[in-house]
């Protein structure tokens, strides 16, 4: 007989314990949800600006890499023809032979001349003011000059 009450007692404890767990696991209080939302908002406010600053830096790095690649294509054009394309011929001379250029051995780019990371055409001038030729992008604002992320990206 001693075993029966203990057995009943041991069976009733898990039932009460399960009822307490079920009652607690029904959901979160409004206060708990608000605290979590505030924490997520604080994290987004801290991480967001740092993330978007990195995007601006990557656009500048992309523009520099594209200017470097275009410069190498221009150098190959000069090796074949003896001179760089004129300002009027522009960077289009890297993909299509100018009508007055018999030594053209291109195309010098695998694809068409890309726009800068901000969707605008690269600027080209021959002869250049800073070297044999000038090749640059006006940057994010699309205007000459600027500071920081709005600065021009140049090859000189």
Protein backbone atom coordinates (compact mmCIF):
# COMPACT_ATOMS: atom_id res chain seq x y z
CA UNK A 1 0.00 0.00 0.00
CA UNK A 2 2.85 2.34 0.51
CA UNK A 3 3.76 2.11 -3.11
CA UNK A 4 0.37 3.19 -4.38
CA UNK A 5 0.29 6.71 -2.85
CA UNK A 6 3.85 7.37 -4.01
CA UNK A 7 2.98 6.19 -7.46
CA UNK A 8 -0.06 8.50 -7.55
CA UNK A 9 1.98 11.35 -6.14
CA UNK A 10 4.73 10.83 -8.70
CA UNK A 11 2.16 10.82 -11.50
CA UNK A 12 0.48 13.99 -10.35
CA UNK A 13 3.71 16.04 -10.18
CA UNK A 14 4.52 15.84 -13.89
CA UNK A 15 0.94 16.74 -14.74
CA UNK A 16 1.12 19.93 -12.66
CA UNK A 17 4.58 20.69 -14.03
CA UNK A 18 3.37 20.23 -17.63
CA UNK A 19 0.41 22.53 -16.98
CA UNK A 20 2.75 25.23 -15.67
CA UNK A 21 5.04 24.93 -18.70
CA UNK A 22 2.10 25.06 -21.09
CA UNK A 23 0.72 28.13 -19.37
CA UNK A 24 4.11 29.92 -19.66
CA UNK A 25 4.74 28.87 -23.26
CA UNK A 26 1.53 30.35 -24.61
CA UNK A 27 3.22 33.57 -25.83
CA UNK A 28 5.15 36.70 -25.02
CA UNK A 29 3.83 39.69 -23.18
CA UNK A 30 3.51 43.04 -24.92
CA UNK A 31 6.34 44.39 -22.80
CA UNK A 32 8.68 41.59 -23.87
CA UNK A 33 7.88 42.21 -27.53
CA UNK A 34 8.50 45.96 -27.14
CA UNK A 35 11.87 45.35 -25.48
CA UNK A 36 12.93 43.05 -28.33
CA UNK A 37 11.78 45.59 -30.93
CA UNK A 38 13.75 48.37 -29.21
CA UNK A 39 16.88 46.19 -29.18
CA UNK A 40 16.47 45.39 -32.89
CA UNK A 41 15.95 49.08 -33.64
CA UNK A 42 19.10 50.04 -31.76
CA UNK A 43 21.13 47.41 -33.61
CA UNK A 44 19.76 48.56 -36.98
CA UNK A 45 20.57 52.16 -36.09
CA UNK A 46 24.14 51.21 -35.29
CA UNK A 47 24.84 48.73 -38.10
CA UNK A 48 22.87 50.41 -40.92
CA UNK A 49 25.05 53.51 -41.39
CA UNK A 50 28.24 51.43 -41.26
CA UNK A 51 26.83 49.07 -43.91
CA UNK A 52 25.81 51.86 -46.28
CA UNK A 53 29.19 53.58 -45.87
CA UNK A 54 30.81 50.38 -47.13
CA UNK A 55 28.59 50.43 -50.23
CA UNK A 56 29.91 53.89 -51.13
CA UNK A 57 33.49 52.70 -50.74
CA UNK A 58 32.88 49.67 -52.93
CA UNK A 59 31.47 51.86 -55.73
CA UNK A 60 34.64 53.97 -55.70
CA UNK A 61 36.80 50.83 -55.75
CA UNK A 62 34.76 49.49 -58.67
CA UNK A 63 35.21 52.76 -60.59
CA UNK A 64 38.98 52.69 -59.99
CA UNK A 65 39.18 49.08 -61.20
CA UNK A 66 37.16 49.88 -64.34
CA UNK A 67 39.33 52.94 -65.07
CA UNK A 68 42.41 50.75 -64.70
CA UNK A 69 40.99 48.15 -67.11
CA UNK A 70 40.02 50.85 -69.63
CA UNK A 71 43.52 52.30 -69.32
CA UNK A 72 45.05 48.93 -70.20
CA UNK A 73 42.76 48.66 -73.22
CA UNK A 74 43.77 52.18 -74.29
CA UNK A 75 47.45 51.21 -73.98
CA UNK A 76 46.86 48.17 -76.19
CA UNK A 77 45.10 50.40 -78.74
CA UNK A 78 48.15 52.71 -78.74
CA UNK A 79 50.54 49.79 -79.23
CA UNK A 80 48.60 48.70 -82.33
CA UNK A 81 47.91 52.11 -83.86
CA UNK A 82 50.76 54.27 -82.56
CA UNK A 83 48.46 56.72 -80.74
CA UNK A 84 45.50 56.88 -78.39
CA UNK A 85 41.98 57.43 -79.73
CA UNK A 86 41.03 61.07 -80.19
CA UNK A 87 38.60 62.72 -77.83
CA UNK A 88 36.01 62.62 -80.63
CA UNK A 89 36.51 58.88 -81.18
CA UNK A 90 36.34 58.36 -77.44
CA UNK A 91 36.24 55.04 -75.67
CA UNK A 92 33.97 53.62 -78.39
CA UNK A 93 37.16 53.14 -80.47
CA UNK A 94 38.05 50.27 -78.12
CA UNK A 95 35.14 48.18 -79.41
CA UNK A 96 34.70 49.34 -83.00
CA UNK A 97 37.31 50.28 -85.57
CA UNK A 98 37.34 53.97 -86.43
CA UNK A 99 36.95 54.50 -90.18
CA UNK A 100 40.32 56.24 -90.50
CA UNK A 101 42.35 53.68 -88.51
CA UNK A 102 43.92 50.94 -90.71
CA UNK A 103 46.08 49.41 -87.92
CA UNK A 104 43.19 48.79 -85.52
CA UNK A 105 43.45 45.18 -84.23
CA UNK A 106 40.59 45.21 -81.70
CA UNK A 107 38.22 44.89 -80.13
CA UNK A 108 40.23 45.78 -77.05
CA UNK A 109 37.41 45.05 -74.60
CA UNK A 110 35.44 41.83 -74.33
CA UNK A 111 32.21 43.75 -73.73
CA UNK A 112 30.99 47.25 -74.46
CA UNK A 113 32.48 50.15 -72.52
CA UNK A 114 30.81 50.04 -69.09
CA UNK A 115 29.19 52.97 -67.37
CA UNK A 116 30.59 53.98 -64.01
CA UNK A 117 28.99 52.43 -60.90
CA UNK A 118 26.56 55.39 -60.74
CA UNK A 119 25.25 54.75 -64.26
CA UNK A 120 27.06 57.57 -66.06
CA UNK A 121 29.60 57.41 -68.90
CA UNK A 122 33.31 57.65 -68.17
CA UNK A 123 34.97 60.84 -69.37
CA UNK A 124 37.90 60.62 -71.79
CA UNK A 125 40.17 63.32 -73.21
CA UNK A 126 43.18 63.02 -75.55
CA UNK A 127 45.58 64.67 -75.27
CA UNK A 128 45.18 64.90 -71.55
CA UNK A 129 45.94 67.70 -69.14
CA UNK A 130 47.34 65.33 -66.48
CA UNK A 131 49.08 62.78 -68.68
CA UNK A 132 48.95 61.41 -72.21
CA UNK A 133 45.21 61.01 -71.80
CA UNK A 134 42.71 61.76 -69.04
CA UNK A 135 40.13 59.17 -68.00
CA UNK A 136 37.77 59.85 -65.11
CA UNK A 137 34.32 59.59 -63.58
CA UNK A 138 32.51 62.51 -62.00
CA UNK A 139 31.53 60.23 -59.09
CA UNK A 140 28.25 59.86 -57.30
CA UNK A 141 26.99 63.41 -57.88
CA UNK A 142 27.84 63.40 -61.61
CA UNK A 143 29.50 66.83 -61.37
CA UNK A 144 33.12 67.95 -61.45
CA UNK A 145 34.81 68.24 -58.08
CA UNK A 146 33.24 67.19 -54.82
CA UNK A 147 34.44 65.71 -51.56
CA UNK A 148 34.40 62.28 -49.96
CA UNK A 149 31.88 60.02 -51.71
CA UNK A 150 31.02 62.79 -54.18
CA UNK A 151 34.64 63.25 -55.33
CA UNK A 152 35.73 62.53 -58.89
CA UNK A 153 37.44 59.20 -59.55
CA UNK A 154 40.47 59.82 -61.78
CA UNK A 155 43.37 57.96 -63.41
CA UNK A 156 46.06 60.54 -62.61
